[in-house]
């Protein structure tokens, strides 16, 4: 069965270029000219990748991403934003809401194909690891990670402060878990990216800073333990 990709862009020419070149690579490709049209399609969960423009009609590509990621059947499908919006804030926003990569227009089709291959390769590897982890987790229980009045339930992917739940994004949860299991050492942004996102993901320093700033605001009196060392990076210090 061929890998299915959905291209969503209000420019018909872009959809045609994407479809032609992706099909030459052996993918099965469908197109939609708006986020609304895409959301009305049947079997969205059958796709292995969404390639999405941002500036479209009433619903933007960001709106599409938020809706897709709030549905269990499609929340883990990778997404590549392809947009004329090239400023850093848009790139950071796109990555923060769950995109796996971001490429700007006008694009080089060879680079698009390379990024598609990289995303699908990572996704396939994650699915294999998840299947393996599921088998292993049936017999393995991971103990909670606790620091003072802060607790992470690794099995249910939940975080508590003073026994009250804290709502964290997936990235915020992963950063906090990394910090709590690697205390009393300062890590560079590159090291944090490697441990939290992996080697193949394009993440800017601004993305790291934004996520850690949001995380601190949610930690109440524990925010002081997430420390910054100017010129070096971040860490979690048990005394501060």
C-alpha atoms as a PDB file:
ATOM      1  CA  UNK A   1       0.000   0.000   0.000  1.00  0.00           C
ATOM      2  CA  UNK A   2       1.391   3.402  -1.024  1.00  0.00           C
ATOM      3  CA  UNK A   3       1.926   6.156   1.520  1.00  0.00           C
ATOM      4  CA  UNK A   4      -0.874   8.734   1.316  1.00  0.00           C
ATOM      5  CA  UNK A   5      -0.216  12.478   1.513  1.00  0.00           C
ATOM      6  CA  UNK A   6      -2.763  15.313   1.587  1.00  0.00           C
ATOM      7  CA  UNK A   7      -1.681  18.689   0.171  1.00  0.00           C
ATOM      8  CA  UNK A   8      -3.778  21.649   1.344  1.00  0.00           C
ATOM      9  CA  UNK A   9      -3.200  24.968  -0.436  1.00  0.00           C
ATOM     10  CA  UNK A  10      -5.516  27.580  -1.966  1.00  0.00           C
ATOM     11  CA  UNK A  11      -3.161  27.971  -4.932  1.00  0.00           C
ATOM     12  CA  UNK A  12      -4.093  25.351  -7.512  1.00  0.00           C
ATOM     13  CA  UNK A  13      -0.671  25.606  -9.169  1.00  0.00           C
ATOM     14  CA  UNK A  14       1.080  24.741  -5.891  1.00  0.00           C
ATOM     15  CA  UNK A  15      -1.179  21.732  -5.385  1.00  0.00           C
ATOM     16  CA  UNK A  16      -0.470  20.522  -8.931  1.00  0.00           C
ATOM     17  CA  UNK A  17       3.305  20.916  -8.550  1.00  0.00           C
ATOM     18  CA  UNK A  18       3.278  19.098  -5.218  1.00  0.00           C
ATOM     19  CA  UNK A  19       1.006  16.332  -6.495  1.00  0.00           C
ATOM     20  CA  UNK A  20       3.027  15.747  -9.671  1.00  0.00           C
ATOM     21  CA  UNK A  21       6.391  15.549  -7.935  1.00  0.00           C
ATOM     22  CA  UNK A  22       5.213  13.552  -4.915  1.00  0.00           C
ATOM     23  CA  UNK A  23       3.490  11.011  -7.148  1.00  0.00           C
ATOM     24  CA  UNK A  24       6.737  10.641  -9.108  1.00  0.00           C
ATOM     25  CA  UNK A  25       8.305   9.658  -5.773  1.00  0.00           C
ATOM     26  CA  UNK A  26       5.732   6.885  -5.405  1.00  0.00           C
ATOM     27  CA  UNK A  27       3.299   8.524  -2.967  1.00  0.00           C
ATOM     28  CA  UNK A  28      -0.484   8.583  -3.308  1.00  0.00           C
ATOM     29  CA  UNK A  29      -1.481  12.262  -3.222  1.00  0.00           C
ATOM     30  CA  UNK A  30      -4.795  14.062  -2.734  1.00  0.00           C
ATOM     31  CA  UNK A  31      -5.311  17.822  -2.737  1.00  0.00           C
ATOM     32  CA  UNK A  32      -7.655  20.292  -1.080  1.00  0.00           C
ATOM     33  CA  UNK A  33      -7.932  24.012  -1.811  1.00  0.00           C
ATOM     34  CA  UNK A  34      -8.917  25.089   1.705  1.00  0.00           C
ATOM     35  CA  UNK A  35      -8.750  23.912   5.291  1.00  0.00           C
ATOM     36  CA  UNK A  36     -12.544  23.668   5.275  1.00  0.00           C
ATOM     37  CA  UNK A  37     -12.494  21.336   2.261  1.00  0.00           C
ATOM     38  CA  UNK A  38      -9.834  19.185   3.895  1.00  0.00           C
ATOM     39  CA  UNK A  39     -11.743  18.906   7.174  1.00  0.00           C
ATOM     40  CA  UNK A  40     -14.839  17.754   5.273  1.00  0.00           C
ATOM     41  CA  UNK A  41     -12.944  14.879   3.654  1.00  0.00           C
ATOM     42  CA  UNK A  42     -13.573  11.303   4.745  1.00  0.00           C
ATOM     43  CA  UNK A  43     -10.870   9.154   6.281  1.00  0.00           C
ATOM     44  CA  UNK A  44      -8.426  11.912   7.197  1.00  0.00           C
ATOM     45  CA  UNK A  45      -6.792   9.377   9.476  1.00  0.00           C
ATOM     46  CA  UNK A  46      -5.703   7.369   6.418  1.00  0.00           C
ATOM     47  CA  UNK A  47      -3.015   9.939   5.518  1.00  0.00           C
ATOM     48  CA  UNK A  48       0.592   9.652   6.622  1.00  0.00           C
ATOM     49  CA  UNK A  49       1.393  13.354   6.137  1.00  0.00           C
ATOM     50  CA  UNK A  50      -0.349  16.704   5.716  1.00  0.00           C
ATOM     51  CA  UNK A  51       1.408  19.446   3.717  1.00  0.00           C
ATOM     52  CA  UNK A  52      -0.398  22.650   4.643  1.00  0.00           C
ATOM     53  CA  UNK A  53      -0.366  26.301   3.573  1.00  0.00           C
ATOM     54  CA  UNK A  54      -1.089  28.860   6.301  1.00  0.00           C
ATOM     55  CA  UNK A  55      -2.887  31.795   4.686  1.00  0.00           C
ATOM     56  CA  UNK A  56      -6.144  30.319   3.379  1.00  0.00           C
ATOM     57  CA  UNK A  57      -9.798  31.424   3.466  1.00  0.00           C
ATOM     58  CA  UNK A  58     -11.641  31.629   6.768  1.00  0.00           C
ATOM     59  CA  UNK A  59      -9.644  28.835   8.382  1.00  0.00           C
ATOM     60  CA  UNK A  60      -5.874  29.159   8.305  1.00  0.00           C
ATOM     61  CA  UNK A  61      -3.350  26.347   8.272  1.00  0.00           C
ATOM     62  CA  UNK A  62      -2.865  26.990  11.990  1.00  0.00           C
ATOM     63  CA  UNK A  63      -6.608  26.467  12.531  1.00  0.00           C
ATOM     64  CA  UNK A  64      -6.430  23.208  10.574  1.00  0.00           C
ATOM     65  CA  UNK A  65      -3.494  22.018  12.697  1.00  0.00           C
ATOM     66  CA  UNK A  66      -5.288  22.812  15.953  1.00  0.00           C
ATOM     67  CA  UNK A  67      -8.399  20.910  14.866  1.00  0.00           C
ATOM     68  CA  UNK A  68      -6.445  17.908  13.601  1.00  0.00           C
ATOM     69  CA  UNK A  69      -4.382  17.684  16.779  1.00  0.00           C
ATOM     70  CA  UNK A  70      -7.514  17.748  18.951  1.00  0.00           C
ATOM     71  CA  UNK A  71      -8.916  14.580  17.358  1.00  0.00           C
ATOM     72  CA  UNK A  72      -7.522  11.286  18.615  1.00  0.00           C
ATOM     73  CA  UNK A  73      -7.590   9.607  15.204  1.00  0.00           C
ATOM     74  CA  UNK A  74      -5.428  12.294  13.568  1.00  0.00           C
ATOM     75  CA  UNK A  75      -3.447  13.863  16.430  1.00  0.00           C
ATOM     76  CA  UNK A  76      -0.253  11.951  15.619  1.00  0.00           C
ATOM     77  CA  UNK A  77      -0.242  12.456  11.835  1.00  0.00           C
ATOM     78  CA  UNK A  78       2.840  14.539  10.949  1.00  0.00           C
ATOM     79  CA  UNK A  79       2.452  17.945   9.327  1.00  0.00           C
ATOM     80  CA  UNK A  80       4.674  20.095   7.117  1.00  0.00           C
ATOM     81  CA  UNK A  81       3.786  23.770   6.821  1.00  0.00           C
ATOM     82  CA  UNK A  82       4.625  25.318   3.447  1.00  0.00           C
ATOM     83  CA  UNK A  83       3.960  29.043   3.531  1.00  0.00           C
ATOM     84  CA  UNK A  84       4.998  32.442   2.212  1.00  0.00           C
ATOM     85  CA  UNK A  85       5.107  33.610   5.842  1.00  0.00           C
ATOM     86  CA  UNK A  86       8.823  33.487   6.555  1.00  0.00           C
ATOM     87  CA  UNK A  87       9.260  35.573   9.707  1.00  0.00           C
ATOM     88  CA  UNK A  88      10.590  33.784  12.762  1.00  0.00           C
ATOM     89  CA  UNK A  89       7.431  34.288  14.839  1.00  0.00           C
ATOM     90  CA  UNK A  90       5.333  32.372  12.281  1.00  0.00           C
ATOM     91  CA  UNK A  91       7.891  29.580  12.063  1.00  0.00           C
ATOM     92  CA  UNK A  92       8.000  29.322  15.866  1.00  0.00           C
ATOM     93  CA  UNK A  93       4.202  29.357  16.097  1.00  0.00           C
ATOM     94  CA  UNK A  94       3.925  26.627  13.481  1.00  0.00           C
ATOM     95  CA  UNK A  95       6.397  24.389  15.285  1.00  0.00           C
ATOM     96  CA  UNK A  96       4.848  25.116  18.670  1.00  0.00           C
ATOM     97  CA  UNK A  97       1.387  23.989  17.590  1.00  0.00           C
ATOM     98  CA  UNK A  98       2.770  20.667  16.487  1.00  0.00           C
ATOM     99  CA  UNK A  99       4.155  20.923  12.952  1.00  0.00           C
ATOM    100  CA  UNK A 100       7.052  18.585  12.249  1.00  0.00           C
ATOM    101  CA  UNK A 101       8.729  20.998   9.854  1.00  0.00           C
ATOM    102  CA  UNK A 102       8.250  24.365   8.164  1.00  0.00           C
ATOM    103  CA  UNK A 103       9.362  25.418   4.697  1.00  0.00           C
ATOM    104  CA  UNK A 104       8.900  28.816   3.074  1.00  0.00           C
ATOM    105  CA  UNK A 105       7.704  29.806  -0.381  1.00  0.00           C
ATOM    106  CA  UNK A 106       9.008  30.061  -2.999  1.00  0.00           C
ATOM    107  CA  UNK A 107      10.300  26.572  -2.345  1.00  0.00           C
ATOM    108  CA  UNK A 108      12.741  24.256  -4.038  1.00  0.00           C
ATOM    109  CA  UNK A 109      10.841  21.063  -4.836  1.00  0.00           C
ATOM    110  CA  UNK A 110      13.943  18.972  -4.192  1.00  0.00           C
ATOM    111  CA  UNK A 111      14.145  20.344  -0.657  1.00  0.00           C
ATOM    112  CA  UNK A 112      10.426  19.692  -0.115  1.00  0.00           C
ATOM    113  CA  UNK A 113      10.839  16.072  -1.185  1.00  0.00           C
ATOM    114  CA  UNK A 114      13.862  15.654   1.080  1.00  0.00           C
ATOM    115  CA  UNK A 115      11.949  17.024   4.066  1.00  0.00           C
ATOM    116  CA  UNK A 116       8.953  14.821   3.291  1.00  0.00           C
ATOM    117  CA  UNK A 117      11.200  11.767   3.255  1.00  0.00           C
ATOM    118  CA  UNK A 118      12.798  12.818   6.552  1.00  0.00           C
ATOM    119  CA  UNK A 119       9.430  13.397   8.259  1.00  0.00           C
ATOM    120  CA  UNK A 120       8.013  10.079   7.076  1.00  0.00           C
ATOM    121  CA  UNK A 121      11.186   8.269   8.107  1.00  0.00           C
ATOM    122  CA  UNK A 122      10.957   9.746  11.610  1.00  0.00           C
ATOM    123  CA  UNK A 123       7.256   8.945  11.790  1.00  0.00           C
ATOM    124  CA  UNK A 124       7.805   5.335  10.756  1.00  0.00           C
ATOM    125  CA  UNK A 125      10.597   4.951  13.299  1.00  0.00           C
ATOM    126  CA  UNK A 126       8.383   6.421  16.035  1.00  0.00           C
ATOM    127  CA  UNK A 127       5.556   4.046  15.161  1.00  0.00           C
ATOM    128  CA  UNK A 128       7.926   1.085  15.385  1.00  0.00           C
ATOM    129  CA  UNK A 129       9.233   2.301  18.746  1.00  0.00           C
ATOM    130  CA  UNK A 130       5.689   2.933  20.002  1.00  0.00           C
ATOM    131  CA  UNK A 131       4.647  -0.584  19.058  1.00  0.00           C
ATOM    132  CA  UNK A 132       7.688  -1.974  20.832  1.00  0.00           C
ATOM    133  CA  UNK A 133       7.112   0.271  23.847  1.00  0.00           C
ATOM    134  CA  UNK A 134       3.487  -0.854  24.056  1.00  0.00           C
ATOM    135  CA  UNK A 135       4.570  -4.477  24.314  1.00  0.00           C
ATOM    136  CA  UNK A 136       7.220  -3.605  26.904  1.00  0.00           C
ATOM    137  CA  UNK A 137       4.940  -1.347  28.936  1.00  0.00           C
ATOM    138  CA  UNK A 138       2.449  -4.130  29.514  1.00  0.00           C
ATOM    139  CA  UNK A 139       4.939  -5.510  32.022  1.00  0.00           C
ATOM    140  CA  UNK A 140       6.916  -2.364  32.915  1.00  0.00           C
ATOM    141  CA  UNK A 141       5.662   0.312  35.309  1.00  0.00           C
ATOM    142  CA  UNK A 142       7.586   3.590  35.397  1.00  0.00           C
ATOM    143  CA  UNK A 143       7.655   5.183  38.857  1.00  0.00           C
ATOM    144  CA  UNK A 144       6.606   8.807  39.258  1.00  0.00           C
ATOM    145  CA  UNK A 145       9.266  11.503  39.109  1.00  0.00           C
ATOM    146  CA  UNK A 146       8.962  13.681  42.218  1.00  0.00           C
ATOM    147  CA  UNK A 147      10.619  16.905  43.324  1.00  0.00           C
ATOM    148  CA  UNK A 148       9.229  18.554  46.459  1.00  0.00           C
ATOM    149  CA  UNK A 149       5.551  19.266  45.650  1.00  0.00           C
ATOM    150  CA  UNK A 150       5.990  18.645  41.921  1.00  0.00           C
ATOM    151  CA  UNK A 151       5.169  15.208  40.511  1.00  0.00           C
ATOM    152  CA  UNK A 152       5.187  13.691  37.029  1.00  0.00           C
ATOM    153  CA  UNK A 153       3.178  10.560  36.333  1.00  0.00           C
ATOM    154  CA  UNK A 154       5.152   9.023  33.481  1.00  0.00           C
ATOM    155  CA  UNK A 155       2.635   6.260  32.832  1.00  0.00           C
ATOM    156  CA  UNK A 156      -0.389   8.539  32.361  1.00  0.00           C
ATOM    157  CA  UNK A 157       1.622  11.523  31.053  1.00  0.00           C
ATOM    158  CA  UNK A 158       0.312  13.880  33.729  1.00  0.00           C
ATOM    159  CA  UNK A 159       1.896  16.531  35.924  1.00  0.00           C
ATOM    160  CA  UNK A 160       0.805  17.685  39.398  1.00  0.00           C
ATOM    161  CA  UNK A 161       1.732  20.623  41.607  1.00  0.00           C
ATOM    162  CA  UNK A 162       0.533  20.361  45.214  1.00  0.00           C
ATOM    163  CA  UNK A 163      -1.544  17.396  44.004  1.00  0.00           C
ATOM    164  CA  UNK A 164      -3.383  19.650  41.551  1.00  0.00           C
ATOM    165  CA  UNK A 165      -3.063  18.816  37.836  1.00  0.00           C
ATOM    166  CA  UNK A 166      -1.081  21.160  35.596  1.00  0.00           C
ATOM    167  CA  UNK A 167      -2.055  21.374  31.929  1.00  0.00           C
ATOM    168  CA  UNK A 168       1.118  21.058  29.864  1.00  0.00           C
ATOM    169  CA  UNK A 169       1.611  20.731  26.127  1.00  0.00           C
ATOM    170  CA  UNK A 170       3.447  17.636  24.901  1.00  0.00           C
ATOM    171  CA  UNK A 171       6.629  19.682  24.433  1.00  0.00           C
ATOM    172  CA  UNK A 172       6.387  21.313  27.861  1.00  0.00           C
ATOM    173  CA  UNK A 173       5.837  17.899  29.462  1.00  0.00           C
ATOM    174  CA  UNK A 174       8.860  16.421  27.670  1.00  0.00           C
ATOM    175  CA  UNK A 175      11.096  19.353  28.637  1.00  0.00           C
ATOM    176  CA  UNK A 176      10.055  19.161  32.297  1.00  0.00           C
ATOM    177  CA  UNK A 177      10.518  15.386  32.377  1.00  0.00           C
ATOM    178  CA  UNK A 178      13.988  15.791  30.875  1.00  0.00           C
ATOM    179  CA  UNK A 179      14.887  18.452  33.448  1.00  0.00           C
ATOM    180  CA  UNK A 180      13.582  16.459  36.413  1.00  0.00           C
ATOM    181  CA  UNK A 181      15.474  13.342  35.340  1.00  0.00           C
ATOM    182  CA  UNK A 182      18.682  15.299  34.604  1.00  0.00           C
ATOM    183  CA  UNK A 183      18.947  17.695  37.542  1.00  0.00           C
ATOM    184  CA  UNK A 184      21.741  20.008  38.617  1.00  0.00           C
ATOM    185  CA  UNK A 185      23.345  20.392  35.212  1.00  0.00           C
ATOM    186  CA  UNK A 186      23.085  23.144  32.622  1.00  0.00           C
ATOM    187  CA  UNK A 187      22.242  21.965  29.117  1.00  0.00           C
ATOM    188  CA  UNK A 188      22.743  23.924  25.918  1.00  0.00           C
ATOM    189  CA  UNK A 189      19.788  24.517  23.633  1.00  0.00           C
ATOM    190  CA  UNK A 190      21.300  22.016  21.188  1.00  0.00           C
ATOM    191  CA  UNK A 191      21.430  19.335  23.900  1.00  0.00           C
ATOM    192  CA  UNK A 192      17.819  20.032  24.911  1.00  0.00           C
ATOM    193  CA  UNK A 193      16.705  19.787  21.265  1.00  0.00           C
ATOM    194  CA  UNK A 194      18.503  16.459  20.886  1.00  0.00           C
ATOM    195  CA  UNK A 195      16.914  14.955  24.022  1.00  0.00           C
ATOM    196  CA  UNK A 196      13.402  16.374  23.580  1.00  0.00           C
ATOM    197  CA  UNK A 197      12.847  16.637  19.813  1.00  0.00           C
ATOM    198  CA  UNK A 198      15.515  14.329  18.377  1.00  0.00           C
ATOM    199  CA  UNK A 199      18.300  14.880  15.870  1.00  0.00           C
ATOM    200  CA  UNK A 200      16.192  15.149  12.700  1.00  0.00           C
ATOM    201  CA  UNK A 201      13.827  17.945  13.745  1.00  0.00           C
ATOM    202  CA  UNK A 202      14.490  21.572  12.809  1.00  0.00           C
ATOM    203  CA  UNK A 203      13.963  23.637  15.984  1.00  0.00           C
ATOM    204  CA  UNK A 204      15.074  27.227  16.533  1.00  0.00           C
ATOM    205  CA  UNK A 205      16.523  28.656  19.738  1.00  0.00           C
ATOM    206  CA  UNK A 206      13.428  30.852  19.947  1.00  0.00           C
ATOM    207  CA  UNK A 207      11.269  27.731  20.161  1.00  0.00           C
ATOM    208  CA  UNK A 208      13.268  26.502  23.163  1.00  0.00           C
ATOM    209  CA  UNK A 209      13.043  29.880  24.898  1.00  0.00           C
ATOM    210  CA  UNK A 210       9.291  30.187  24.259  1.00  0.00           C
ATOM    211  CA  UNK A 211       8.491  26.723  25.596  1.00  0.00           C
ATOM    212  CA  UNK A 212      10.603  27.167  28.726  1.00  0.00           C
ATOM    213  CA  UNK A 213       9.063  30.588  29.418  1.00  0.00           C
ATOM    214  CA  UNK A 214       5.562  29.075  29.205  1.00  0.00           C
ATOM    215  CA  UNK A 215       6.603  26.111  31.332  1.00  0.00           C
ATOM    216  CA  UNK A 216       7.940  28.362  34.101  1.00  0.00           C
ATOM    217  CA  UNK A 217       4.651  30.253  34.293  1.00  0.00           C
ATOM    218  CA  UNK A 218       2.817  26.976  34.951  1.00  0.00           C
ATOM    219  CA  UNK A 219       5.136  25.755  37.725  1.00  0.00           C
ATOM    220  CA  UNK A 220       4.101  28.261  40.403  1.00  0.00           C
ATOM    221  CA  UNK A 221       6.577  28.343  43.269  1.00  0.00           C
ATOM    222  CA  UNK A 222       8.705  25.727  41.505  1.00  0.00           C
ATOM    223  CA  UNK A 223       9.511  27.997  38.559  1.00  0.00           C
ATOM    224  CA  UNK A 224      12.649  29.240  40.346  1.00  0.00           C
ATOM    225  CA  UNK A 225      14.270  25.831  39.999  1.00  0.00           C
ATOM    226  CA  UNK A 226      14.273  26.115  36.187  1.00  0.00           C
ATOM    227  CA  UNK A 227      17.375  28.245  35.778  1.00  0.00           C
ATOM    228  CA  UNK A 228      19.022  30.118  32.939  1.00  0.00           C
ATOM    229  CA  UNK A 229      22.768  30.467  32.540  1.00  0.00           C
ATOM    230  CA  UNK A 230      23.310  33.276  30.066  1.00  0.00           C
ATOM    231  CA  UNK A 231      25.409  32.116  27.156  1.00  0.00           C
ATOM    232  CA  UNK A 232      25.166  28.433  28.167  1.00  0.00           C
ATOM    233  CA  UNK A 233      21.549  27.261  28.397  1.00  0.00           C
ATOM    234  CA  UNK A 234      19.013  25.930  30.890  1.00  0.00           C
ATOM    235  CA  UNK A 235      18.777  23.401  33.691  1.00  0.00           C
ATOM    236  CA  UNK A 236      16.881  22.306  36.779  1.00  0.00           C
ATOM    237  CA  UNK A 237      18.681  23.081  40.054  1.00  0.00           C
ATOM    238  CA  UNK A 238      17.469  21.442  43.242  1.00  0.00           C
ATOM    239  CA  UNK A 239      18.636  24.468  45.248  1.00  0.00           C
ATOM    240  CA  UNK A 240      18.346  28.006  44.039  1.00  0.00           C
END
